[in-house]
C-alpha atoms as a PDB file:
ATOM      1  CA  MET A   1     223.128 161.823  87.164  1.00  0.00           C
ATOM      2  CA  LEU A   2     226.005 161.875  84.801  1.00  0.00           C
ATOM      3  CA  SER A   3     225.483 164.324  81.969  1.00  0.00           C
ATOM      4  CA  THR A   4     227.952 165.377  79.301  1.00  0.00           C
ATOM      5  CA  GLU A   5     225.993 168.308  77.980  1.00  0.00           C
ATOM      6  CA  HIS A   6     227.783 171.561  79.026  1.00  0.00           C
ATOM      7  CA  SER A   7     227.507 175.098  78.294  1.00  0.00           C
ATOM      8  CA  ASN A   8     230.623 177.017  77.033  1.00  0.00           C
ATOM      9  CA  ASP A   9     231.004 179.083  80.072  1.00  0.00           C
ATOM     10  CA  ILE A  10     231.557 176.132  82.543  1.00  0.00           C
ATOM     11  CA  GLU A  11     235.076 176.012  83.850  1.00  0.00           C
ATOM     12  CA  PHE A  12     234.780 173.099  86.282  1.00  0.00           C
ATOM     13  CA  TRP A  13     232.414 170.066  86.537  1.00  0.00           C
ATOM     14  CA  SER A  14     232.326 167.095  88.843  1.00  0.00           C
ATOM     15  CA  ASP A  15     230.060 164.128  89.539  1.00  0.00           C
ATOM     16  CA  VAL A  16     230.263 160.534  90.876  1.00  0.00           C
ATOM     17  CA  TYR A  17     230.413 157.633  88.279  1.00  0.00           C
ATOM     18  CA  GLY A  18     230.512 154.030  89.197  1.00  0.00           C
ATOM     19  CA  GLY A  19     231.047 155.162  92.844  1.00  0.00           C
ATOM     20  CA  ARG A  20     234.157 157.065  91.888  1.00  0.00           C
ATOM     21  CA  SER A  21     234.709 160.845  91.945  1.00  0.00           C
ATOM     22  CA  ILE A  22     235.358 162.408  88.570  1.00  0.00           C
ATOM     23  CA  SER A  23     235.909 166.090  87.576  1.00  0.00           C
ATOM     24  CA  VAL A  24     237.097 168.126  84.731  1.00  0.00           C
ATOM     25  CA  PHE A  25     238.671 171.615  84.830  1.00  0.00           C
ATOM     26  CA  ASN A  26     239.215 174.055  82.026  1.00  0.00           C
ATOM     27  CA  HIS A  27     242.695 175.488  82.358  1.00  0.00           C
ATOM     28  CA  HIS A  28     243.433 178.042  79.608  1.00  0.00           C
ATOM     29  CA  GLY A  29     241.206 176.269  77.141  1.00  0.00           C
ATOM     30  CA  ARG A  30     242.565 172.785  77.855  1.00  0.00           C
ATOM     31  CA  TRP A  31     240.530 170.303  79.949  1.00  0.00           C
ATOM     32  CA  LEU A  32     242.355 168.521  82.765  1.00  0.00           C
ATOM     33  CA  VAL A  33     240.868 165.416  84.317  1.00  0.00           C
ATOM     34  CA  TYR A  34     240.749 164.132  87.975  1.00  0.00           C
ATOM     35  CA  LEU A  35     239.893 160.628  88.847  1.00  0.00           C
ATOM     36  CA  ASP A  36     239.265 159.925  92.600  1.00  0.00           C
ATOM     37  CA  HIS A  37     240.551 163.517  93.314  1.00  0.00           C
ATOM     38  CA  ILE A  38     243.874 162.733  91.662  1.00  0.00           C
ATOM     39  CA  LEU A  39     244.978 164.803  88.567  1.00  0.00           C
ATOM     40  CA  GLN A  40     245.490 162.415  85.624  1.00  0.00           C
ATOM     41  CA  GLN A  41     248.266 162.866  83.035  1.00  0.00           C
ATOM     42  CA  ALA A  42     245.800 163.564  80.243  1.00  0.00           C
ATOM     43  CA  VAL A  43     244.707 166.853  78.587  1.00  0.00           C
ATOM     44  CA  PHE A  44     241.633 167.283  76.289  1.00  0.00           C
ATOM     45  CA  ALA A  45     240.177 169.779  73.917  1.00  0.00           C
ATOM     46  CA  THR A  46     236.642 169.475  75.121  1.00  0.00           C
ATOM     47  CA  SER A  47     234.865 168.516  78.378  1.00  0.00           C
ATOM     48  CA  GLU A  48     232.909 165.947  76.467  1.00  0.00           C
ATOM     49  CA  ASP A  49     236.142 164.208  75.466  1.00  0.00           C
ATOM     50  CA  ALA A  50     237.452 164.434  79.021  1.00  0.00           C
ATOM     51  CA  ILE A  51     234.361 162.817  80.501  1.00  0.00           C
ATOM     52  CA  ALA A  52     234.221 160.102  78.000  1.00  0.00           C
ATOM     53  CA  TRP A  53     237.938 159.197  78.788  1.00  0.00           C
ATOM     54  CA  LEU A  54     237.124 159.208  82.466  1.00  0.00           C
ATOM     55  CA  THR A  55     234.019 157.069  82.326  1.00  0.00           C
ATOM     56  CA  LEU A  56     235.777 154.564  79.956  1.00  0.00           C
ATOM     57  CA  ARG A  57     238.711 154.183  82.484  1.00  0.00           C
ATOM     58  CA  ILE A  58     236.290 153.459  85.239  1.00  0.00           C
ATOM     59  CA  ASP A  59     234.290 151.006  83.099  1.00  0.00           C
ATOM     60  CA  GLN A  60     237.640 149.260  82.362  1.00  0.00           C
ATOM     61  CA  GLY A  61     238.534 149.159  86.016  1.00  0.00           C
ATOM     62  CA  VAL A  62     241.647 151.231  85.690  1.00  0.00           C
ATOM     63  CA  PRO A  63     242.858 152.667  89.021  1.00  0.00           C
ATOM     64  CA  ALA A  64     243.763 156.416  89.489  1.00  0.00           C
ATOM     65  CA  ARG A  65     247.411 157.080  89.158  1.00  0.00           C
ATOM     66  CA  LEU A  66     249.491 159.749  90.990  1.00  0.00           C
ATOM     67  CA  HIS A  67     251.693 161.833  88.698  1.00  0.00           C
END
């Protein structure tokens, strides 16, 4: 089940949402996002913001993009 509650010591988190793989990775205090195992060109201040962005893109039917 998708949960956006995280402790401050988590560096990586992944799940499946809408049948698609999503993950977030804390890289030096900035959260990178992966959609379908593809790094997206977006960086976030919090894991919650990163997950919200990923789920919105899936809800909108946006494909993962290679960068």
